[in-house]
Amino acid sequence: MAKSNYFSGKSVFGQLISLIEDKTVKEGVKKSDSDRYFKKL
């Protein structure tokens, strides 16, 4: 089995988030105003 380079160097959280479409994330942020006071993760 060949090793995938798509996820190399990414955290598990980053890998999961990268599988979600940007449009879906943006709609959720806009709906819940969830990044209003975002400082750092």
N, C-alpha and C. Protein backbone atom coordinates (compact mmCIF):
# COMPACT_ATOMS: atom_id res chain seq x y z
N MET A 1 0.85 -1.18 0.00
CA MET A 1 0.00 0.00 0.00
C MET A 1 0.89 1.24 0.00
N ALA A 2 0.63 2.18 -0.87
CA ALA A 2 1.42 3.39 -0.98
C ALA A 2 1.06 4.37 0.13
N LYS A 3 2.05 5.09 0.58
CA LYS A 3 1.84 6.09 1.63
C LYS A 3 1.28 7.36 1.02
N SER A 4 0.23 7.90 1.62
CA SER A 4 -0.41 9.11 1.10
C SER A 4 0.37 10.35 1.51
N ASN A 5 0.54 11.28 0.59
CA ASN A 5 1.19 12.54 0.89
C ASN A 5 0.19 13.65 1.17
N TYR A 6 -1.09 13.39 0.99
CA TYR A 6 -2.12 14.42 1.15
C TYR A 6 -2.17 14.94 2.58
N PHE A 7 -2.02 14.06 3.58
CA PHE A 7 -2.14 14.46 4.98
C PHE A 7 -0.80 14.62 5.67
N SER A 8 0.29 14.51 4.96
CA SER A 8 1.60 14.58 5.63
C SER A 8 1.81 15.94 6.27
N GLY A 9 2.23 15.93 7.53
CA GLY A 9 2.51 17.16 8.25
C GLY A 9 1.31 17.81 8.89
N LYS A 10 0.13 17.25 8.74
CA LYS A 10 -1.08 17.82 9.34
C LYS A 10 -1.44 17.06 10.61
N SER A 11 -1.99 17.78 11.59
CA SER A 11 -2.50 17.14 12.79
C SER A 11 -3.77 16.37 12.45
N VAL A 12 -4.19 15.52 13.35
CA VAL A 12 -5.43 14.75 13.13
C VAL A 12 -6.60 15.70 12.97
N PHE A 13 -6.66 16.74 13.80
CA PHE A 13 -7.73 17.74 13.69
C PHE A 13 -7.70 18.42 12.33
N GLY A 14 -6.52 18.79 11.88
CA GLY A 14 -6.37 19.42 10.57
C GLY A 14 -6.81 18.52 9.44
N GLN A 15 -6.52 17.23 9.57
CA GLN A 15 -6.93 16.26 8.55
C GLN A 15 -8.45 16.16 8.49
N LEU A 16 -9.09 16.12 9.66
CA LEU A 16 -10.56 16.03 9.69
C LEU A 16 -11.20 17.28 9.10
N ILE A 17 -10.70 18.43 9.47
CA ILE A 17 -11.26 19.69 8.99
C ILE A 17 -11.08 19.83 7.48
N SER A 18 -9.96 19.34 6.96
CA SER A 18 -9.71 19.48 5.53
C SER A 18 -10.68 18.64 4.69
N LEU A 19 -11.34 17.68 5.30
CA LEU A 19 -12.31 16.85 4.58
C LEU A 19 -13.68 17.51 4.47
N ILE A 20 -13.91 18.56 5.25
CA ILE A 20 -15.19 19.29 5.22
C ILE A 20 -15.10 20.39 4.18
N GLU A 21 -16.13 20.56 3.38
CA GLU A 21 -16.15 21.59 2.35
C GLU A 21 -16.12 22.98 2.98
N ASP A 22 -15.39 23.90 2.36
CA ASP A 22 -15.28 25.27 2.88
C ASP A 22 -16.65 25.95 2.97
N LYS A 23 -17.49 25.69 2.01
CA LYS A 23 -18.82 26.31 1.98
C LYS A 23 -19.61 25.92 3.24
N THR A 24 -19.53 24.67 3.64
CA THR A 24 -20.24 24.19 4.81
C THR A 24 -19.73 24.87 6.08
N VAL A 25 -18.42 25.01 6.18
CA VAL A 25 -17.83 25.67 7.34
C VAL A 25 -18.25 27.14 7.40
N LYS A 26 -18.17 27.83 6.27
CA LYS A 26 -18.52 29.26 6.23
C LYS A 26 -19.98 29.49 6.59
N GLU A 27 -20.87 28.60 6.11
CA GLU A 27 -22.29 28.73 6.44
C GLU A 27 -22.52 28.54 7.93
N GLY A 28 -21.84 27.57 8.53
CA GLY A 28 -21.97 27.33 9.97
C GLY A 28 -21.46 28.48 10.81
N VAL A 29 -20.34 29.05 10.39
CA VAL A 29 -19.78 30.21 11.10
C VAL A 29 -20.72 31.39 11.02
N LYS A 30 -21.25 31.64 9.83
CA LYS A 30 -22.16 32.78 9.65
C LYS A 30 -23.44 32.59 10.46
N LYS A 31 -23.97 31.37 10.45
CA LYS A 31 -25.22 31.08 11.15
C LYS A 31 -25.07 31.24 12.66
N SER A 32 -23.96 30.75 13.21
CA SER A 32 -23.79 30.75 14.67
C SER A 32 -22.93 31.90 15.17
N ASP A 33 -22.36 32.70 14.24
CA ASP A 33 -21.46 33.80 14.60
C ASP A 33 -20.36 33.29 15.54
N SER A 34 -19.83 32.11 15.21
CA SER A 34 -18.93 31.40 16.11
C SER A 34 -17.50 31.91 16.12
N ASP A 35 -17.06 32.67 15.12
CA ASP A 35 -15.69 33.16 15.14
C ASP A 35 -15.60 34.63 15.53
N ARG A 36 -16.65 35.14 16.11
CA ARG A 36 -16.72 36.55 16.47
C ARG A 36 -15.61 36.95 17.45
N TYR A 37 -15.38 36.15 18.46
CA TYR A 37 -14.39 36.47 19.48
C TYR A 37 -13.19 35.53 19.43
N PHE A 38 -12.94 34.94 18.28
CA PHE A 38 -11.87 33.98 18.10
C PHE A 38 -10.52 34.66 18.29
N LYS A 39 -9.68 34.12 19.15
CA LYS A 39 -8.34 34.65 19.37
C LYS A 39 -7.29 33.66 18.92
N LYS A 40 -7.37 32.42 19.39
CA LYS A 40 -6.45 31.36 18.98
C LYS A 40 -7.06 30.02 19.33
N LEU A 41 -6.53 28.99 18.72
CA LEU A 41 -7.05 27.65 18.95
C LEU A 41 -6.14 26.93 19.90
